[in-house]
């Protein structure tokens, strides 16, 4: 990597806009992601976090704005640039999107068969190694339905990293999980991000965990990034929108405490 590319953001979102009919989801979203970071986009449910991620992955087409990857703009006309992006990026879906008809090993093999021209022996070697690194090699012949939720999440990550991507997009990776399992998933992401060196972009609403694991945090509100910066700055921000989102559990505790201090109406 030359000096110029090392200082260029790996990913840059500029003025992204996206509507579905009259519903404006993204109105002017901006984000900068540097290499080797864990970047988290926070926001309430329905604020467009997953839509933002799908625009990045090419699943949705933005109405306006631009997306830049490694200094090159991703446009419909730039077929070679988009193909390069697809080779260097993986997407981990909220639902894991594992194929129940395939074994764990076959699920991991699939992206290599679809995106590379590697010989069969190398495909098998890489797939088995990915399973081993995520401690799933002894479950290679199992189907997803025969695995626990945590194992399925690891399998989805194994499939995402088997192509050795530079960028991994995580769509609500802890949705529906209890606090202990949420912690386990976030710890897993950080562990393997450090081990494999990929850049991670996560969308979630889990504030407490994000402030621990992230290098960079953004808050998406009303289609725009209301905050973008370091986790410690997010924790200290006096912006009323940030406070309302960040401190909502504390506000709830205070409200309930006040209700309990008042005698019930008879």
Protein backbone atom coordinates (compact mmCIF):
# COMPACT_ATOMS: atom_id res chain seq x y z
CA UNK A 1 0.00 0.00 0.00
CA UNK A 2 1.42 3.38 -0.94
CA UNK A 3 1.41 6.42 1.32
CA UNK A 4 -1.42 8.12 -0.56
CA UNK A 5 -3.78 5.15 -0.26
CA UNK A 6 -2.95 4.68 3.43
CA UNK A 7 -4.30 8.16 4.20
CA UNK A 8 -7.36 7.82 1.96
CA UNK A 9 -10.50 6.68 3.83
CA UNK A 10 -11.43 3.13 2.95
CA UNK A 11 -15.07 4.18 2.71
CA UNK A 12 -16.69 7.59 2.34
CA UNK A 13 -20.41 8.41 2.12
CA UNK A 14 -21.28 11.87 0.84
CA UNK A 15 -24.75 13.43 0.87
CA UNK A 16 -26.61 10.13 0.53
CA UNK A 17 -30.36 10.44 -0.03
CA UNK A 18 -32.93 7.65 -0.25
CA UNK A 19 -36.74 7.73 -0.26
CA UNK A 20 -39.42 5.08 -0.64
CA UNK A 21 -42.36 6.89 -2.17
CA UNK A 22 -42.99 9.94 0.01
CA UNK A 23 -41.10 8.48 2.96
CA UNK A 24 -37.65 10.07 3.22
CA UNK A 25 -35.27 7.62 4.89
CA UNK A 26 -31.89 9.22 4.21
CA UNK A 27 -31.85 12.97 3.60
CA UNK A 28 -28.16 13.92 3.68
CA UNK A 29 -26.13 11.11 5.23
CA UNK A 30 -22.35 11.43 5.46
CA UNK A 31 -19.80 9.04 6.97
CA UNK A 32 -16.05 8.48 6.81
CA UNK A 33 -14.55 5.07 7.59
CA UNK A 34 -10.80 4.61 7.94
CA UNK A 35 -8.93 1.34 7.53
CA UNK A 36 -8.77 -1.02 10.48
CA UNK A 37 -11.54 0.71 12.44
CA UNK A 38 -14.68 -0.63 14.06
CA UNK A 39 -17.25 2.00 13.05
CA UNK A 40 -20.77 1.87 14.46
CA UNK A 41 -23.84 3.69 13.19
CA UNK A 42 -26.42 4.07 15.94
CA UNK A 43 -30.05 5.06 15.62
CA UNK A 44 -33.56 4.19 16.63
CA UNK A 45 -35.51 1.48 14.84
CA UNK A 46 -36.80 2.75 11.52
CA UNK A 47 -34.26 5.57 11.18
CA UNK A 48 -32.64 4.09 8.07
CA UNK A 49 -29.58 2.33 9.49
CA UNK A 50 -30.16 -0.88 7.53
CA UNK A 51 -31.09 1.10 4.40
CA UNK A 52 -27.77 2.92 4.68
CA UNK A 53 -25.95 -0.41 4.87
CA UNK A 54 -27.90 -1.81 1.92
CA UNK A 55 -26.97 1.24 -0.15
CA UNK A 56 -23.33 0.56 0.67
CA UNK A 57 -23.66 -3.09 -0.33
CA UNK A 58 -25.45 -2.25 -3.57
CA UNK A 59 -28.70 -3.94 -2.47
CA UNK A 60 -30.49 -0.58 -2.59
CA UNK A 61 -29.75 2.25 -5.01
CA UNK A 62 -29.49 5.73 -3.44
CA UNK A 63 -31.47 8.54 -5.05
CA UNK A 64 -28.64 11.06 -4.66
CA UNK A 65 -25.16 11.31 -3.19
CA UNK A 66 -22.05 9.27 -3.68
CA UNK A 67 -20.20 6.34 -2.14
CA UNK A 68 -16.42 6.15 -2.42
CA UNK A 69 -14.34 3.04 -1.77
CA UNK A 70 -10.57 3.27 -1.52
CA UNK A 71 -10.59 6.63 -3.31
CA UNK A 72 -12.85 5.58 -6.18
CA UNK A 73 -16.53 6.43 -6.60
CA UNK A 74 -18.95 3.54 -6.91
CA UNK A 75 -21.23 4.32 -9.82
CA UNK A 76 -23.31 2.18 -12.17
CA UNK A 77 -20.94 3.11 -14.97
CA UNK A 78 -17.83 2.07 -13.04
CA UNK A 79 -18.36 -1.67 -13.42
CA UNK A 80 -14.74 -2.55 -12.67
CA UNK A 81 -14.71 -0.44 -9.48
CA UNK A 82 -17.95 -2.05 -8.28
CA UNK A 83 -16.60 -5.52 -9.02
CA UNK A 84 -13.46 -4.67 -7.03
CA UNK A 85 -15.66 -3.48 -4.14
CA UNK A 86 -17.68 -6.72 -4.16
CA UNK A 87 -14.47 -8.76 -4.03
CA UNK A 88 -13.16 -6.80 -1.05
CA UNK A 89 -16.39 -6.44 0.93
CA UNK A 90 -18.68 -8.88 2.79
CA UNK A 91 -22.14 -8.39 4.27
CA UNK A 92 -23.39 -10.12 7.40
CA UNK A 93 -27.18 -10.04 7.35
CA UNK A 94 -29.28 -9.50 10.46
CA UNK A 95 -30.92 -12.91 9.92
CA UNK A 96 -27.55 -14.57 9.13
CA UNK A 97 -29.04 -15.65 5.75
CA UNK A 98 -27.60 -19.14 6.04
CA UNK A 99 -28.88 -21.75 3.61
CA UNK A 100 -30.61 -24.49 5.60
CA UNK A 101 -30.21 -26.99 2.76
CA UNK A 102 -26.39 -26.73 2.95
CA UNK A 103 -24.05 -27.94 5.66
CA UNK A 104 -21.88 -25.52 7.60
CA UNK A 105 -18.94 -26.31 5.31
CA UNK A 106 -21.04 -25.90 2.17
CA UNK A 107 -22.34 -22.52 3.41
CA UNK A 108 -18.76 -21.30 3.80
CA UNK A 109 -17.65 -22.74 0.45
CA UNK A 110 -20.43 -20.96 -1.46
CA UNK A 111 -19.03 -17.37 -1.59
CA UNK A 112 -15.63 -18.67 -2.71
CA UNK A 113 -17.27 -20.61 -5.53
CA UNK A 114 -19.35 -17.59 -6.53
CA UNK A 115 -16.71 -14.86 -6.36
CA UNK A 116 -13.34 -16.50 -7.09
CA UNK A 117 -11.67 -18.77 -9.62
CA UNK A 118 -9.71 -20.67 -6.99
CA UNK A 119 -9.11 -24.38 -7.59
CA UNK A 120 -11.32 -26.78 -5.64
CA UNK A 121 -8.49 -27.82 -3.33
CA UNK A 122 -7.80 -24.21 -2.30
CA UNK A 123 -11.53 -23.52 -1.81
CA UNK A 124 -11.76 -26.50 0.54
CA UNK A 125 -8.58 -25.51 2.39
CA UNK A 126 -9.76 -21.92 2.98
CA UNK A 127 -13.25 -23.00 4.02
CA UNK A 128 -12.02 -25.55 6.55
CA UNK A 129 -9.56 -23.00 7.93
CA UNK A 130 -12.33 -20.41 8.34
CA UNK A 131 -14.41 -22.93 10.27
CA UNK A 132 -11.40 -23.87 12.40
CA UNK A 133 -10.61 -20.25 13.23
CA UNK A 134 -14.17 -19.72 14.43
CA UNK A 135 -14.10 -23.01 16.33
CA UNK A 136 -16.63 -24.71 14.09
CA UNK A 137 -14.46 -27.27 12.30
CA UNK A 138 -15.96 -30.19 14.26
CA UNK A 139 -19.43 -29.08 13.11
CA UNK A 140 -18.61 -28.89 9.40
CA UNK A 141 -21.19 -31.54 8.46
CA UNK A 142 -24.02 -30.05 10.51
CA UNK A 143 -26.86 -28.05 9.05
CA UNK A 144 -27.67 -24.59 10.43
CA UNK A 145 -30.90 -25.90 11.99
CA UNK A 146 -28.77 -28.30 14.06
CA UNK A 147 -26.69 -25.45 15.51
CA UNK A 148 -27.32 -23.01 18.35
CA UNK A 149 -27.97 -19.31 17.69
CA UNK A 150 -24.43 -18.41 18.71
CA UNK A 151 -22.96 -21.05 16.43
CA UNK A 152 -25.09 -19.82 13.55
CA UNK A 153 -23.77 -16.29 14.12
CA UNK A 154 -20.18 -17.60 14.05
CA UNK A 155 -20.96 -19.59 10.91
CA UNK A 156 -22.33 -16.46 9.22
CA UNK A 157 -19.12 -14.65 10.16
CA UNK A 158 -16.99 -17.53 8.86
CA UNK A 159 -18.81 -17.27 5.54
CA UNK A 160 -18.32 -13.49 5.53
CA UNK A 161 -14.57 -13.62 6.15
CA UNK A 162 -13.64 -16.67 4.05
CA UNK A 163 -13.08 -14.43 1.01
CA UNK A 164 -10.58 -12.42 3.11
CA UNK A 165 -12.49 -9.12 2.78
CA UNK A 166 -11.11 -5.73 3.74
CA UNK A 167 -14.55 -4.44 4.76
CA UNK A 168 -17.33 -6.31 6.57
CA UNK A 169 -20.80 -4.76 6.97
CA UNK A 170 -22.81 -5.96 9.99
CA UNK A 171 -26.57 -5.37 9.92
CA UNK A 172 -27.98 -5.40 13.49
CA UNK A 173 -25.79 -8.38 14.51
CA UNK A 174 -27.33 -8.62 18.01
CA UNK A 175 -31.01 -8.13 17.13
CA UNK A 176 -33.25 -10.20 19.38
CA UNK A 177 -30.44 -11.43 21.64
CA UNK A 178 -30.34 -11.26 25.42
CA UNK A 179 -27.62 -9.10 27.07
CA UNK A 180 -25.18 -11.98 27.62
CA UNK A 181 -25.40 -13.15 24.02
CA UNK A 182 -25.16 -9.54 22.79
CA UNK A 183 -21.88 -9.19 24.65
CA UNK A 184 -20.64 -12.47 23.17
CA UNK A 185 -21.43 -11.37 19.60
CA UNK A 186 -19.75 -7.97 19.99
CA UNK A 187 -16.71 -9.62 21.59
CA UNK A 188 -16.59 -12.06 18.67
CA UNK A 189 -16.66 -9.24 16.12
CA UNK A 190 -13.82 -7.37 17.82
CA UNK A 191 -11.77 -10.54 18.34
CA UNK A 192 -11.86 -11.54 14.68
CA UNK A 193 -11.60 -7.96 13.44
CA UNK A 194 -8.29 -7.73 15.29
CA UNK A 195 -7.24 -11.22 14.16
CA UNK A 196 -7.99 -10.78 10.45
CA UNK A 197 -7.52 -7.02 10.17
CA UNK A 198 -10.73 -6.18 8.33
CA UNK A 199 -12.58 -2.89 8.75
CA UNK A 200 -16.01 -3.26 10.35
CA UNK A 201 -19.11 -1.12 9.89
CA UNK A 202 -21.90 -2.05 12.30
CA UNK A 203 -25.44 -0.70 12.49
CA UNK A 204 -27.20 -1.22 15.83
CA UNK A 205 -29.05 0.51 18.66
CA UNK A 206 -27.06 -1.12 21.49
CA UNK A 207 -25.45 1.98 22.97
CA UNK A 208 -23.65 0.61 26.03
CA UNK A 209 -21.80 -2.13 24.16
CA UNK A 210 -20.95 0.11 21.21
CA UNK A 211 -19.18 2.67 23.38
CA UNK A 212 -16.85 -0.14 24.51
CA UNK A 213 -16.04 -1.81 21.18
CA UNK A 214 -16.04 1.04 18.64
CA UNK A 215 -13.23 3.25 17.38
CA UNK A 216 -15.72 5.65 15.76
CA UNK A 217 -19.43 6.26 16.39
CA UNK A 218 -22.14 7.98 14.35
CA UNK A 219 -25.77 8.68 15.25
CA UNK A 220 -28.29 8.63 12.42
CA UNK A 221 -31.33 10.80 13.12
CA UNK A 222 -33.92 12.13 10.67
CA UNK A 223 -31.87 10.87 7.75
CA UNK A 224 -28.67 12.68 8.75
CA UNK A 225 -25.66 11.98 10.93
CA UNK A 226 -26.44 13.99 14.05
CA UNK A 227 -23.12 12.99 15.61
CA UNK A 228 -19.88 11.51 14.30
CA UNK A 229 -16.76 11.06 16.40
CA UNK A 230 -15.05 9.10 19.15
CA UNK A 231 -17.09 7.01 21.63
CA UNK A 232 -15.85 9.09 24.57
CA UNK A 233 -17.06 12.27 22.85
CA UNK A 234 -20.44 10.66 22.19
CA UNK A 235 -20.67 9.74 25.88
CA UNK A 236 -20.04 13.38 26.85
CA UNK A 237 -22.04 15.11 24.09
CA UNK A 238 -24.54 17.77 25.18
CA UNK A 239 -26.48 17.60 21.92
CA UNK A 240 -30.15 17.14 22.96
CA UNK A 241 -30.77 14.49 20.27
CA UNK A 242 -27.70 12.53 21.38
CA UNK A 243 -28.73 12.86 25.04
CA UNK A 244 -32.27 11.70 24.29
CA UNK A 245 -31.01 8.60 22.48
CA UNK A 246 -28.00 7.83 24.67
CA UNK A 247 -29.61 8.41 28.05
CA UNK A 248 -33.09 7.00 27.43
CA UNK A 249 -32.59 4.03 29.85
CA UNK A 250 -31.53 6.45 32.61
CA UNK A 251 -34.54 8.66 31.85
CA UNK A 252 -36.82 5.64 32.10
CA UNK A 253 -35.31 4.65 35.46
CA UNK A 254 -35.86 8.19 36.75
CA UNK A 255 -39.46 8.22 35.51
CA UNK A 256 -40.27 4.86 37.10
CA UNK A 257 -38.56 5.90 40.33
CA UNK A 258 -40.77 8.99 40.45
CA UNK A 259 -43.89 6.92 39.89
CA UNK A 260 -42.96 4.54 42.68
CA UNK A 261 -42.47 7.40 45.11
CA UNK A 262 -46.09 8.47 44.62
CA UNK A 263 -48.76 6.43 46.43
CA UNK A 264 -51.20 4.62 44.15
CA UNK A 265 -54.47 6.41 43.44
CA UNK A 266 -57.37 4.74 45.25
